Every structure is written in structure tokens, then in C-alpha cells.
Amino acid sequence: MPPLLFTLFLGLLLGIKHAFEADHVLAVSTIASGQKNPFKAAVVGAFWGIGHTTTLFIIGIMVLLLRISIPESLGLLLEGLAGVMLIILGIRVFKNKSSVNYHKHTTPFLIGLIHGLAGSGVLMILVLSTITELITGLYYILLFGIGSIIGMSLMSFLIGIPFSYSSSRFPKIETNLRLISGSLSIIFGLVIIYQIILDL
């Protein structure tokens, strides 16, 4: 496989893999769990991926055009922001135990924007720093983003299945599943912030 095609294909695969990172899974699970249909949950995941790709596209263009790097201190701050967001999402689950329906797609889009800022996208930026041609870099970001959208849609669909199945048949189980999702989101957010404090 030619080096260029390999690089672009790698971007697609890394984007799919990137969607299944723990903080992404927990963030979207708190939202997708409020959907009564796994296909609607997949749409939620897709909008998360679009928001994520939007941020990475902007950062990637800055890296390619200005050849700038993200300071470590800023990276930690953005990671902390993602941790705070996980805590907030978890708390919202507890405040709305029965259901949290996101009819608008702005919420998952904004969550995707924030996660795109966080250090989980550093791997893509590191690869971009080795790409000298602007058009190649833009294609890489695009394929990475498409991979993220595909991965997040698939993951959200899978997360939505047990919630969809239990919502009408076993409402108490669905509520417990949502509370577990919220708890894990809060715990993971606290862990992220704790690790950042240790690194300061």
C-alpha cells in the first residue's frame, strides 16, 4: 500500500478506535441511555462525532498552517474540562432518574466539541505534525473524523439496545442501568481530575 493511502487508512482506523475510549463511552452513554430507540441513540452518537471532528479540524488546520504545538499545561487544562463535563453529565442522570431525552442534537454536538479539545485527540495531532502537505493533512483529519463518527454511532447504537429493551419491559432495570452509567461517569471524571492534579 502506498505511504499516502496507508496514512489516510490509518486515520480512519484510529478515528474508529478513538470513539471507543473510556471517557467517550461514558459521556455518550449518559445521553444515549435517555433514548428509547437504539437508532435514535446512534444519531446522538453521530452528532457527538460531528462536534468532535469540528474541533479537531480547526486544531488540525492550525497545526498544519502555523506549525504550532499544544503546550502541556493547556493540554492538562482541556483534559480537566472533559473530566468536569463527565461529572456534570453524571449528575444530570441522577437529577433526572426516569429519563433524559435530548430531542435537540446540540447537547451531543457540544460534548463532542469539548472532547475534541481534550488531550484524547493528541494522537491525531502528533501524526499531523509529521504531515507536510496541507491537503494530505486535511484528508487525514476528515477520515479520522469519519472514523470517529462511525465508531461513536455504532457504540451508541449498542448502548441503546439494553436501554431500549428494558424501558418498556423492565423500567426499574432501565433506571438502575442509567444510574450505573451516571455513577461511572462521575467516578471517571473525578479520576481524570485527580490524575491531572498529580501531574501539576
N, C-alpha and C. Protein backbone atom coordinates (compact mmCIF):
# COMPACT_ATOMS: atom_id res chain seq x y z
N MET A 1 0.85 -1.20 0.00
CA MET A 1 0.00 0.00 0.00
C MET A 1 0.88 1.25 0.00
N PRO A 2 0.62 2.21 -0.90
CA PRO A 2 1.40 3.45 -0.93
C PRO A 2 1.35 4.16 0.41
N PRO A 3 2.45 4.85 0.79
CA PRO A 3 2.51 5.52 2.09
C PRO A 3 1.34 6.47 2.33
N LEU A 4 0.92 7.21 1.29
CA LEU A 4 -0.16 8.17 1.46
C LEU A 4 -1.46 7.46 1.81
N LEU A 5 -1.78 6.40 1.05
CA LEU A 5 -3.01 5.66 1.33
C LEU A 5 -2.97 5.01 2.70
N PHE A 6 -1.80 4.52 3.07
CA PHE A 6 -1.65 3.91 4.39
C PHE A 6 -1.92 4.93 5.50
N THR A 7 -1.38 6.14 5.33
CA THR A 7 -1.59 7.20 6.32
C THR A 7 -3.06 7.54 6.46
N LEU A 8 -3.75 7.67 5.32
CA LEU A 8 -5.17 8.01 5.35
C LEU A 8 -6.01 6.88 5.93
N PHE A 9 -5.67 5.66 5.57
CA PHE A 9 -6.38 4.49 6.11
C PHE A 9 -6.15 4.39 7.62
N LEU A 10 -4.92 4.71 8.04
CA LEU A 10 -4.61 4.71 9.47
C LEU A 10 -5.46 5.74 10.21
N GLY A 11 -5.66 6.90 9.58
CA GLY A 11 -6.50 7.93 10.18
C GLY A 11 -7.92 7.43 10.42
N LEU A 12 -8.47 6.71 9.45
CA LEU A 12 -9.83 6.17 9.57
C LEU A 12 -9.91 5.17 10.71
N LEU A 13 -8.94 4.25 10.77
CA LEU A 13 -8.94 3.23 11.82
C LEU A 13 -8.75 3.84 13.20
N LEU A 14 -7.84 4.81 13.30
CA LEU A 14 -7.61 5.47 14.59
C LEU A 14 -8.85 6.24 15.04
N GLY A 15 -9.57 6.81 14.08
CA GLY A 15 -10.80 7.52 14.42
C GLY A 15 -11.85 6.59 15.01
N ILE A 16 -11.99 5.40 14.40
CA ILE A 16 -12.94 4.41 14.93
C ILE A 16 -12.53 3.96 16.32
N LYS A 17 -11.24 3.66 16.48
CA LYS A 17 -10.71 3.23 17.78
C LYS A 17 -10.88 4.32 18.82
N HIS A 18 -10.65 5.55 18.40
CA HIS A 18 -10.71 6.70 19.29
C HIS A 18 -12.10 6.84 19.91
N ALA A 19 -13.13 6.49 19.16
CA ALA A 19 -14.50 6.63 19.65
C ALA A 19 -14.79 5.71 20.82
N PHE A 20 -14.02 4.64 20.96
CA PHE A 20 -14.29 3.65 22.00
C PHE A 20 -13.44 3.86 23.24
N GLU A 21 -12.79 5.01 23.36
CA GLU A 21 -12.05 5.31 24.59
C GLU A 21 -13.04 5.53 25.73
N ALA A 22 -12.58 5.21 26.94
CA ALA A 22 -13.47 5.14 28.10
C ALA A 22 -14.25 6.43 28.34
N ASP A 23 -13.57 7.58 28.27
CA ASP A 23 -14.27 8.84 28.56
C ASP A 23 -15.34 9.14 27.53
N HIS A 24 -15.09 8.76 26.28
CA HIS A 24 -16.09 8.96 25.23
C HIS A 24 -17.29 8.05 25.45
N VAL A 25 -17.01 6.79 25.77
CA VAL A 25 -18.08 5.82 26.01
C VAL A 25 -18.99 6.28 27.14
N LEU A 26 -18.38 6.73 28.24
CA LEU A 26 -19.17 7.15 29.39
C LEU A 26 -19.97 8.42 29.10
N ALA A 27 -19.34 9.36 28.41
CA ALA A 27 -20.04 10.61 28.11
C ALA A 27 -21.27 10.36 27.26
N VAL A 28 -21.12 9.56 26.23
CA VAL A 28 -22.25 9.32 25.33
C VAL A 28 -23.28 8.39 25.97
N SER A 29 -22.82 7.47 26.83
CA SER A 29 -23.77 6.55 27.47
C SER A 29 -24.77 7.30 28.34
N THR A 30 -24.33 8.39 28.98
CA THR A 30 -25.24 9.16 29.82
C THR A 30 -26.33 9.84 28.99
N ILE A 31 -26.03 10.09 27.72
CA ILE A 31 -27.00 10.72 26.83
C ILE A 31 -27.82 9.67 26.07
N ALA A 32 -27.11 8.70 25.50
CA ALA A 32 -27.79 7.67 24.71
C ALA A 32 -28.74 6.85 25.57
N SER A 33 -28.46 6.75 26.87
CA SER A 33 -29.33 5.97 27.75
C SER A 33 -30.72 6.58 27.87
N GLY A 34 -30.86 7.85 27.54
CA GLY A 34 -32.16 8.50 27.60
C GLY A 34 -33.01 8.27 26.37
N GLN A 35 -32.44 7.61 25.37
CA GLN A 35 -33.18 7.34 24.13
C GLN A 35 -33.90 6.00 24.23
N LYS A 36 -35.10 5.95 23.72
CA LYS A 36 -35.90 4.73 23.77
C LYS A 36 -35.75 3.89 22.51
N ASN A 37 -34.90 4.32 21.63
CA ASN A 37 -34.69 3.62 20.37
C ASN A 37 -33.20 3.62 20.06
N PRO A 38 -32.59 2.44 19.82
CA PRO A 38 -31.15 2.40 19.56
C PRO A 38 -30.74 3.18 18.32
N PHE A 39 -31.64 3.31 17.35
CA PHE A 39 -31.31 4.09 16.15
C PHE A 39 -31.23 5.57 16.48
N LYS A 40 -32.11 6.04 17.38
CA LYS A 40 -32.02 7.42 17.83
C LYS A 40 -30.75 7.64 18.64
N ALA A 41 -30.37 6.61 19.41
CA ALA A 41 -29.12 6.69 20.17
C ALA A 41 -27.93 6.81 19.22
N ALA A 42 -28.01 6.09 18.09
CA ALA A 42 -26.93 6.16 17.10
C ALA A 42 -26.82 7.56 16.52
N VAL A 43 -27.97 8.23 16.33
CA VAL A 43 -27.95 9.61 15.83
C VAL A 43 -27.27 10.53 16.84
N VAL A 44 -27.55 10.29 18.12
CA VAL A 44 -26.89 11.06 19.19
C VAL A 44 -25.38 10.89 19.08
N GLY A 45 -24.94 9.65 18.90
CA GLY A 45 -23.51 9.38 18.75
C GLY A 45 -22.92 10.05 17.53
N ALA A 46 -23.69 10.08 16.45
CA ALA A 46 -23.20 10.72 15.22
C ALA A 46 -22.97 12.21 15.43
N PHE A 47 -23.89 12.87 16.14
CA PHE A 47 -23.72 14.30 16.39
C PHE A 47 -22.55 14.56 17.33
N TRP A 48 -22.32 13.64 18.26
CA TRP A 48 -21.11 13.75 19.09
C TRP A 48 -19.88 13.71 18.19
N GLY A 49 -19.86 12.76 17.27
CA GLY A 49 -18.72 12.62 16.37
C GLY A 49 -18.53 13.84 15.48
N ILE A 50 -19.63 14.45 15.05
CA ILE A 50 -19.54 15.66 14.21
C ILE A 50 -18.92 16.81 15.01
N GLY A 51 -19.37 16.96 16.26
CA GLY A 51 -18.78 18.01 17.10
C GLY A 51 -17.31 17.77 17.36
N HIS A 52 -16.97 16.52 17.61
CA HIS A 52 -15.58 16.13 17.85
C HIS A 52 -14.72 16.43 16.63
N THR A 53 -15.23 16.08 15.47
CA THR A 53 -14.49 16.30 14.22
C THR A 53 -14.32 17.79 13.94
N THR A 54 -15.34 18.58 14.25
CA THR A 54 -15.27 20.02 14.02
C THR A 54 -14.09 20.64 14.78
N THR A 55 -13.97 20.28 16.06
CA THR A 55 -12.87 20.82 16.86
C THR A 55 -11.52 20.36 16.33
N LEU A 56 -11.41 19.06 16.04
CA LEU A 56 -10.13 18.54 15.55
C LEU A 56 -9.76 19.15 14.20
N PHE A 57 -10.76 19.45 13.39
CA PHE A 57 -10.49 20.06 12.09
C PHE A 57 -9.88 21.45 12.29
N ILE A 58 -10.45 22.21 13.21
CA ILE A 58 -9.93 23.56 13.49
C ILE A 58 -8.51 23.49 14.05
N ILE A 59 -8.31 22.61 15.04
CA ILE A 59 -6.99 22.46 15.64
C ILE A 59 -5.99 21.94 14.62
N GLY A 60 -6.44 20.97 13.82
CA GLY A 60 -5.55 20.40 12.82
C GLY A 60 -5.09 21.41 11.79
N ILE A 61 -5.98 22.29 11.35
CA ILE A 61 -5.62 23.33 10.39
C ILE A 61 -4.59 24.28 11.01
N MET A 62 -4.78 24.61 12.29
CA MET A 62 -3.82 25.47 12.97
C MET A 62 -2.44 24.82 13.04
N VAL A 63 -2.44 23.52 13.32
CA VAL A 63 -1.17 22.79 13.39
C VAL A 63 -0.49 22.76 12.03
N LEU A 64 -1.29 22.50 10.98
CA LEU A 64 -0.72 22.38 9.64
C LEU A 64 -0.24 23.72 9.08
N LEU A 65 -1.02 24.76 9.30
CA LEU A 65 -0.68 26.07 8.72
C LEU A 65 0.37 26.81 9.54
N LEU A 66 0.20 26.80 10.85
CA LEU A 66 1.07 27.59 11.71
C LEU A 66 2.19 26.77 12.34
N ARG A 67 2.12 25.44 12.18
CA ARG A 67 3.12 24.54 12.75
C ARG A 67 3.28 24.77 14.24
N ILE A 68 2.16 24.95 14.93
CA ILE A 68 2.20 25.19 16.36
C ILE A 68 1.98 23.88 17.11
N SER A 69 2.36 23.86 18.35
CA SER A 69 2.14 22.70 19.20
C SER A 69 1.31 23.12 20.41
N ILE A 70 0.59 22.18 20.96
CA ILE A 70 -0.24 22.47 22.12
C ILE A 70 0.59 22.33 23.39
N PRO A 71 0.74 23.39 24.19
CA PRO A 71 1.52 23.31 25.44
C PRO A 71 0.95 22.24 26.37
N GLU A 72 1.82 21.60 27.12
CA GLU A 72 1.38 20.53 28.02
C GLU A 72 0.39 21.05 29.06
N SER A 73 0.64 22.26 29.56
CA SER A 73 -0.25 22.84 30.57
C SER A 73 -1.66 23.04 30.02
N LEU A 74 -1.74 23.49 28.75
CA LEU A 74 -3.05 23.68 28.12
C LEU A 74 -3.73 22.34 27.90
N GLY A 75 -2.94 21.34 27.52
CA GLY A 75 -3.49 20.00 27.32
C GLY A 75 -4.10 19.45 28.60
N LEU A 76 -3.42 19.67 29.74
CA LEU A 76 -3.95 19.22 31.02
C LEU A 76 -5.24 19.95 31.38
N LEU A 77 -5.27 21.24 31.09
CA LEU A 77 -6.46 22.04 31.37
C LEU A 77 -7.66 21.53 30.57
N LEU A 78 -7.43 21.21 29.31
CA LEU A 78 -8.51 20.72 28.46
C LEU A 78 -8.96 19.33 28.90
N GLU A 79 -8.01 18.50 29.35
CA GLU A 79 -8.37 17.20 29.90
C GLU A 79 -9.25 17.37 31.13
N GLY A 80 -8.88 18.36 31.96
CA GLY A 80 -9.67 18.64 33.15
C GLY A 80 -11.08 19.07 32.81
N LEU A 81 -11.20 19.83 31.73
CA LEU A 81 -12.51 20.27 31.27
C LEU A 81 -13.38 19.08 30.90
N ALA A 82 -12.77 18.10 30.25
CA ALA A 82 -13.50 16.88 29.89
C ALA A 82 -13.93 16.13 31.14
N GLY A 83 -13.06 16.11 32.16
CA GLY A 83 -13.40 15.46 33.42
C GLY A 83 -14.58 16.14 34.11
N VAL A 84 -14.57 17.46 34.14
CA VAL A 84 -15.68 18.22 34.73
C VAL A 84 -16.98 17.93 33.98
N MET A 85 -16.88 17.84 32.67
CA MET A 85 -18.07 17.57 31.86
C MET A 85 -18.65 16.20 32.18
N LEU A 86 -17.78 15.20 32.38
CA LEU A 86 -18.26 13.86 32.74
C LEU A 86 -19.00 13.89 34.07
N ILE A 87 -18.49 14.66 35.02
CA ILE A 87 -19.15 14.77 36.32
C ILE A 87 -20.52 15.42 36.17
N ILE A 88 -20.59 16.48 35.40
CA ILE A 88 -21.86 17.17 35.18
C ILE A 88 -22.88 16.25 34.51
N LEU A 89 -22.43 15.51 33.50
CA LEU A 89 -23.34 14.59 32.81
C LEU A 89 -23.85 13.51 33.76
N GLY A 90 -22.96 13.02 34.63
CA GLY A 90 -23.37 12.01 35.60
C GLY A 90 -24.39 12.55 36.58
N ILE A 91 -24.17 13.77 37.05
CA ILE A 91 -25.10 14.40 37.99
C ILE A 91 -26.47 14.60 37.34
N ARG A 92 -26.47 14.96 36.06
CA ARG A 92 -27.75 15.17 35.35
C ARG A 92 -28.55 13.88 35.28
N VAL A 93 -27.86 12.75 35.20
CA VAL A 93 -28.56 11.47 35.20
C VAL A 93 -29.30 11.27 36.52
N PHE A 94 -28.64 11.59 37.63
CA PHE A 94 -29.26 11.42 38.95
C PHE A 94 -30.39 12.41 39.18
N LYS A 95 -30.29 13.58 38.59
CA LYS A 95 -31.34 14.58 38.76
C LYS A 95 -32.57 14.25 37.91
N ASN A 96 -32.38 13.41 36.91
CA ASN A 96 -33.48 13.01 36.02
C ASN A 96 -33.48 11.50 35.92
N LYS A 97 -33.84 10.84 37.01
CA LYS A 97 -33.70 9.38 37.11
C LYS A 97 -34.55 8.63 36.09
N SER A 98 -35.71 9.17 35.79
CA SER A 98 -36.62 8.42 34.92
C SER A 98 -36.17 8.43 33.48
N SER A 99 -35.78 9.61 33.00
CA SER A 99 -35.37 9.71 31.59
C SER A 99 -34.76 11.07 31.33
N VAL A 100 -33.79 11.08 30.45
CA VAL A 100 -33.21 12.34 29.99
C VAL A 100 -33.24 12.31 28.48
N ASN A 101 -34.22 12.93 27.90
CA ASN A 101 -34.37 12.91 26.44
C ASN A 101 -33.77 14.16 25.83
N TYR A 102 -32.84 13.97 24.93
CA TYR A 102 -32.20 15.08 24.24
C TYR A 102 -32.79 15.15 22.84
N HIS A 103 -33.90 15.87 22.73
CA HIS A 103 -34.54 15.96 21.42
C HIS A 103 -33.69 16.79 20.46
N LYS A 104 -33.00 17.75 21.01
CA LYS A 104 -32.13 18.55 20.17
C LYS A 104 -30.76 17.88 20.10
N HIS A 105 -30.06 18.12 19.03
CA HIS A 105 -28.77 17.49 18.85
C HIS A 105 -27.62 18.40 19.27
N THR A 106 -27.97 19.55 19.86
CA THR A 106 -26.92 20.48 20.26
C THR A 106 -26.10 19.94 21.42
N THR A 107 -26.75 19.21 22.35
CA THR A 107 -26.03 18.71 23.52
C THR A 107 -24.92 17.73 23.14
N PRO A 108 -25.21 16.65 22.39
CA PRO A 108 -24.12 15.76 22.00
C PRO A 108 -23.09 16.45 21.12
N PHE A 109 -23.52 17.41 20.31
CA PHE A 109 -22.58 18.15 19.46
C PHE A 109 -21.60 18.94 20.32
N LEU A 110 -22.12 19.63 21.35
CA LEU A 110 -21.26 20.42 22.24
C LEU A 110 -20.33 19.52 23.04
N ILE A 111 -20.83 18.36 23.47
CA ILE A 111 -19.98 17.41 24.20
C ILE A 111 -18.85 16.94 23.30
N GLY A 112 -19.17 16.69 22.04
CA GLY A 112 -18.14 16.30 21.08
C GLY A 112 -17.11 17.39 20.88
N LEU A 113 -17.56 18.64 20.85
CA LEU A 113 -16.62 19.77 20.73
C LEU A 113 -15.62 19.78 21.88
N ILE A 114 -16.13 19.59 23.10
CA ILE A 114 -15.27 19.61 24.28
C ILE A 114 -14.29 18.45 24.27
N HIS A 115 -14.78 17.27 23.90
CA HIS A 115 -13.89 16.11 23.86
C HIS A 115 -12.85 16.25 22.76
N GLY A 116 -13.20 16.96 21.70
CA GLY A 116 -12.22 17.22 20.65
C GLY A 116 -11.09 18.10 21.15
N LEU A 117 -11.40 18.98 22.10
CA LEU A 117 -10.38 19.84 22.69
C LEU A 117 -9.47 19.09 23.64
N ALA A 118 -10.01 18.08 24.29
CA ALA A 118 -9.26 17.35 25.30
C ALA A 118 -8.08 16.60 24.70
N GLY A 119 -7.20 16.18 25.55
CA GLY A 119 -5.95 15.55 25.12
C GLY A 119 -6.11 14.22 24.43
N SER A 120 -7.34 13.67 24.41
CA SER A 120 -7.54 12.39 23.74
C SER A 120 -7.30 12.50 22.24
N GLY A 121 -7.29 13.73 21.73
CA GLY A 121 -7.02 13.92 20.30
C GLY A 121 -5.56 14.17 20.00
N VAL A 122 -4.72 14.07 21.04
CA VAL A 122 -3.30 14.36 20.86
C VAL A 122 -2.66 13.42 19.85
N LEU A 123 -3.11 12.17 19.84
CA LEU A 123 -2.54 11.20 18.91
C LEU A 123 -2.68 11.67 17.47
N MET A 124 -3.86 12.20 17.14
CA MET A 124 -4.07 12.71 15.79
C MET A 124 -3.15 13.89 15.51
N ILE A 125 -3.00 14.78 16.48
CA ILE A 125 -2.16 15.96 16.30
C ILE A 125 -0.71 15.55 16.10
N LEU A 126 -0.27 14.53 16.82
CA LEU A 126 1.11 14.06 16.68
C LEU A 126 1.36 13.55 15.26
N VAL A 127 0.39 12.83 14.72
CA VAL A 127 0.54 12.34 13.35
C VAL A 127 0.52 13.50 12.37
N LEU A 128 -0.37 14.47 12.63
CA LEU A 128 -0.46 15.63 11.74
C LEU A 128 0.86 16.39 11.70
N SER A 129 1.58 16.41 12.81
CA SER A 129 2.82 17.16 12.86
C SER A 129 3.88 16.58 11.94
N THR A 130 3.68 15.34 11.50
CA THR A 130 4.64 14.72 10.59
C THR A 130 4.20 14.85 9.13
N ILE A 131 3.00 15.41 8.90
CA ILE A 131 2.48 15.59 7.54
C ILE A 131 2.82 17.00 7.06
N THR A 132 3.48 17.08 5.93
CA THR A 132 3.95 18.38 5.44
C THR A 132 2.97 19.02 4.46
N GLU A 133 2.18 18.23 3.75
CA GLU A 133 1.26 18.77 2.75
C GLU A 133 -0.10 19.05 3.38
N LEU A 134 -0.61 20.25 3.14
CA LEU A 134 -1.87 20.68 3.74
C LEU A 134 -3.02 19.77 3.32
N ILE A 135 -3.12 19.47 2.02
CA ILE A 135 -4.24 18.69 1.53
C ILE A 135 -4.25 17.29 2.13
N THR A 136 -3.05 16.70 2.30
CA THR A 136 -2.95 15.38 2.92
C THR A 136 -3.42 15.43 4.37
N GLY A 137 -3.00 16.49 5.07
CA GLY A 137 -3.41 16.65 6.45
C GLY A 137 -4.91 16.81 6.60
N LEU A 138 -5.52 17.58 5.69
CA LEU A 138 -6.96 17.78 5.74
C LEU A 138 -7.71 16.48 5.47
N TYR A 139 -7.21 15.70 4.52
CA TYR A 139 -7.82 14.40 4.25
C TYR A 139 -7.71 13.49 5.47
N TYR A 140 -6.55 13.56 6.13
CA TYR A 140 -6.33 12.73 7.32
C TYR A 140 -7.34 13.09 8.41
N ILE A 141 -7.50 14.40 8.66
CA ILE A 141 -8.46 14.85 9.67
C ILE A 141 -9.87 14.39 9.31
N LEU A 142 -10.22 14.53 8.03
CA LEU A 142 -11.55 14.15 7.57
C LEU A 142 -11.81 12.67 7.81
N LEU A 143 -10.84 11.83 7.44
CA LEU A 143 -11.01 10.39 7.62
C LEU A 143 -11.00 10.01 9.09
N PHE A 144 -10.17 10.68 9.88
CA PHE A 144 -10.16 10.44 11.32
C PHE A 144 -11.54 10.79 11.89
N GLY A 145 -12.09 11.92 11.43
CA GLY A 145 -13.41 12.34 11.89
C GLY A 145 -14.50 11.38 11.47
N ILE A 146 -14.44 10.92 10.21
CA ILE A 146 -15.43 9.95 9.73
C ILE A 146 -15.35 8.68 10.57
N GLY A 147 -14.13 8.26 10.87
CA GLY A 147 -13.94 7.09 11.73
C GLY A 147 -14.55 7.29 13.10
N SER A 148 -14.37 8.49 13.66
CA SER A 148 -14.95 8.80 14.97
C SER A 148 -16.47 8.76 14.93
N ILE A 149 -17.03 9.32 13.85
CA ILE A 149 -18.49 9.35 13.71
C ILE A 149 -19.04 7.93 13.57
N ILE A 150 -18.38 7.12 12.75
CA ILE A 150 -18.81 5.72 12.57
C ILE A 150 -18.72 4.97 13.90
N GLY A 151 -17.57 5.09 14.56
CA GLY A 151 -17.36 4.39 15.82
C GLY A 151 -18.34 4.82 16.89
N MET A 152 -18.57 6.12 17.01
CA MET A 152 -19.48 6.62 18.05
C MET A 152 -20.92 6.24 17.75
N SER A 153 -21.31 6.26 16.48
CA SER A 153 -22.67 5.85 16.12
C SER A 153 -22.89 4.38 16.46
N LEU A 154 -21.91 3.55 16.11
CA LEU A 154 -22.02 2.12 16.40
C LEU A 154 -22.08 1.87 17.90
N MET A 155 -21.20 2.53 18.65
CA MET A 155 -21.17 2.34 20.09
C MET A 155 -22.47 2.80 20.73
N SER A 156 -22.99 3.96 20.29
CA SER A 156 -24.24 4.49 20.84
C SER A 156 -25.41 3.56 20.52
N PHE A 157 -25.40 2.98 19.32
CA PHE A 157 -26.43 2.01 18.95
C PHE A 157 -26.41 0.82 19.89
N LEU A 158 -25.21 0.29 20.15
CA LEU A 158 -25.07 -0.87 21.04
C LEU A 158 -25.48 -0.52 22.46
N ILE A 159 -25.11 0.68 22.92
CA ILE A 159 -25.51 1.12 24.26
C ILE A 159 -27.02 1.27 24.35
N GLY A 160 -27.62 1.74 23.26
CA GLY A 160 -29.06 1.99 23.27
C GLY A 160 -29.91 0.73 23.30
N ILE A 161 -29.35 -0.41 22.89
CA ILE A 161 -30.14 -1.65 22.83
C ILE A 161 -30.68 -2.07 24.20
N PRO A 162 -29.82 -2.24 25.22
CA PRO A 162 -30.37 -2.67 26.52
C PRO A 162 -31.33 -1.65 27.13
N PHE A 163 -31.07 -0.36 26.92
CA PHE A 163 -31.97 0.66 27.45
C PHE A 163 -33.32 0.64 26.73
N SER A 164 -33.27 0.43 25.42
CA SER A 164 -34.50 0.36 24.64
C SER A 164 -35.32 -0.86 25.03
N TYR A 165 -34.64 -1.99 25.22
CA TYR A 165 -35.33 -3.24 25.55
C TYR A 165 -35.96 -3.19 26.93
N SER A 166 -35.25 -2.59 27.89
CA SER A 166 -35.72 -2.61 29.27
C SER A 166 -36.69 -1.48 29.60
N SER A 167 -36.71 -0.43 28.78
CA SER A 167 -37.53 0.75 29.12
C SER A 167 -39.01 0.42 29.24
N SER A 168 -39.51 -0.44 28.34
CA SER A 168 -40.94 -0.77 28.36
C SER A 168 -41.23 -2.05 29.14
N ARG A 169 -40.25 -2.94 29.24
CA ARG A 169 -40.47 -4.23 29.89
C ARG A 169 -40.02 -4.23 31.35
N PHE A 170 -38.88 -3.64 31.60
CA PHE A 170 -38.32 -3.64 32.95
C PHE A 170 -37.86 -2.23 33.31
N PRO A 171 -38.80 -1.32 33.57
CA PRO A 171 -38.43 0.08 33.82
C PRO A 171 -37.47 0.27 34.99
N LYS A 172 -37.60 -0.57 36.03
CA LYS A 172 -36.70 -0.44 37.18
C LYS A 172 -35.26 -0.80 36.79
N ILE A 173 -35.14 -1.82 35.95
CA ILE A 173 -33.80 -2.20 35.48
C ILE A 173 -33.21 -1.08 34.64
N GLU A 174 -34.03 -0.48 33.80
CA GLU A 174 -33.54 0.63 32.97
C GLU A 174 -33.05 1.78 33.84
N THR A 175 -33.83 2.09 34.89
CA THR A 175 -33.43 3.17 35.80
C THR A 175 -32.11 2.85 36.47
N ASN A 176 -31.95 1.59 36.91
CA ASN A 176 -30.70 1.19 37.56
C ASN A 176 -29.52 1.26 36.59
N LEU A 177 -29.76 0.87 35.34
CA LEU A 177 -28.70 0.95 34.34
C LEU A 177 -28.27 2.40 34.12
N ARG A 178 -29.24 3.29 34.10
CA ARG A 178 -28.93 4.70 33.90
C ARG A 178 -28.15 5.25 35.09
N LEU A 179 -28.53 4.83 36.30
CA LEU A 179 -27.82 5.30 37.49
C LEU A 179 -26.39 4.76 37.53
N ILE A 180 -26.22 3.54 37.08
CA ILE A 180 -24.86 2.98 36.99
C ILE A 180 -24.04 3.78 35.99
N SER A 181 -24.65 4.11 34.86
CA SER A 181 -23.97 4.91 33.84
C SER A 181 -23.57 6.27 34.41
N GLY A 182 -24.49 6.91 35.13
CA GLY A 182 -24.19 8.20 35.73
C GLY A 182 -23.09 8.12 36.77
N SER A 183 -23.13 7.06 37.59
CA SER A 183 -22.12 6.87 38.63
C SER A 183 -20.73 6.70 38.03
N LEU A 184 -20.64 5.86 37.01
CA LEU A 184 -19.35 5.63 36.36
C LEU A 184 -18.82 6.91 35.72
N SER A 185 -19.72 7.70 35.16
CA SER A 185 -19.31 8.96 34.54
C SER A 185 -18.72 9.90 35.59
N ILE A 186 -19.37 10.00 36.75
CA ILE A 186 -18.87 10.86 37.82
C ILE A 186 -17.52 10.36 38.33
N ILE A 187 -17.42 9.05 38.58
CA ILE A 187 -16.18 8.47 39.10
C ILE A 187 -15.03 8.70 38.13
N PHE A 188 -15.27 8.43 36.85
CA PHE A 188 -14.20 8.58 35.86
C PHE A 188 -13.79 10.04 35.73
N GLY A 189 -14.76 10.95 35.81
CA GLY A 189 -14.44 12.38 35.77
C GLY A 189 -13.56 12.78 36.93
N LEU A 190 -13.87 12.27 38.13
CA LEU A 190 -13.06 12.57 39.32
C LEU A 190 -11.65 12.00 39.19
N VAL A 191 -11.56 10.80 38.61
CA VAL A 191 -10.25 10.17 38.40
C VAL A 191 -9.39 11.01 37.46
N ILE A 192 -10.00 11.51 36.38
CA ILE A 192 -9.27 12.35 35.43
C ILE A 192 -8.73 13.60 36.13
N ILE A 193 -9.58 14.26 36.91
CA ILE A 193 -9.16 15.48 37.60
C ILE A 193 -8.07 15.17 38.62
N TYR A 194 -8.20 14.05 39.34
CA TYR A 194 -7.20 13.66 40.33
C TYR A 194 -5.84 13.41 39.67
N GLN A 195 -5.86 12.72 38.53
CA GLN A 195 -4.60 12.46 37.82
C GLN A 195 -3.95 13.74 37.33
N ILE A 196 -4.77 14.69 36.90
CA ILE A 196 -4.24 15.98 36.44
C ILE A 196 -3.59 16.73 37.59
N ILE A 197 -4.23 16.70 38.77
CA ILE A 197 -3.67 17.36 39.95
C ILE A 197 -2.32 16.76 40.30
N LEU A 198 -2.20 15.43 40.18
CA LEU A 198 -0.93 14.77 40.47
C LEU A 198 0.15 15.18 39.48
N ASP A 199 -0.25 15.47 38.24
CA ASP A 199 0.71 15.82 37.19
C ASP A 199 1.14 17.28 37.24
N LEU A 200 0.44 18.10 38.01
CA LEU A 200 0.78 19.52 38.07
C LEU A 200 2.10 19.74 38.82
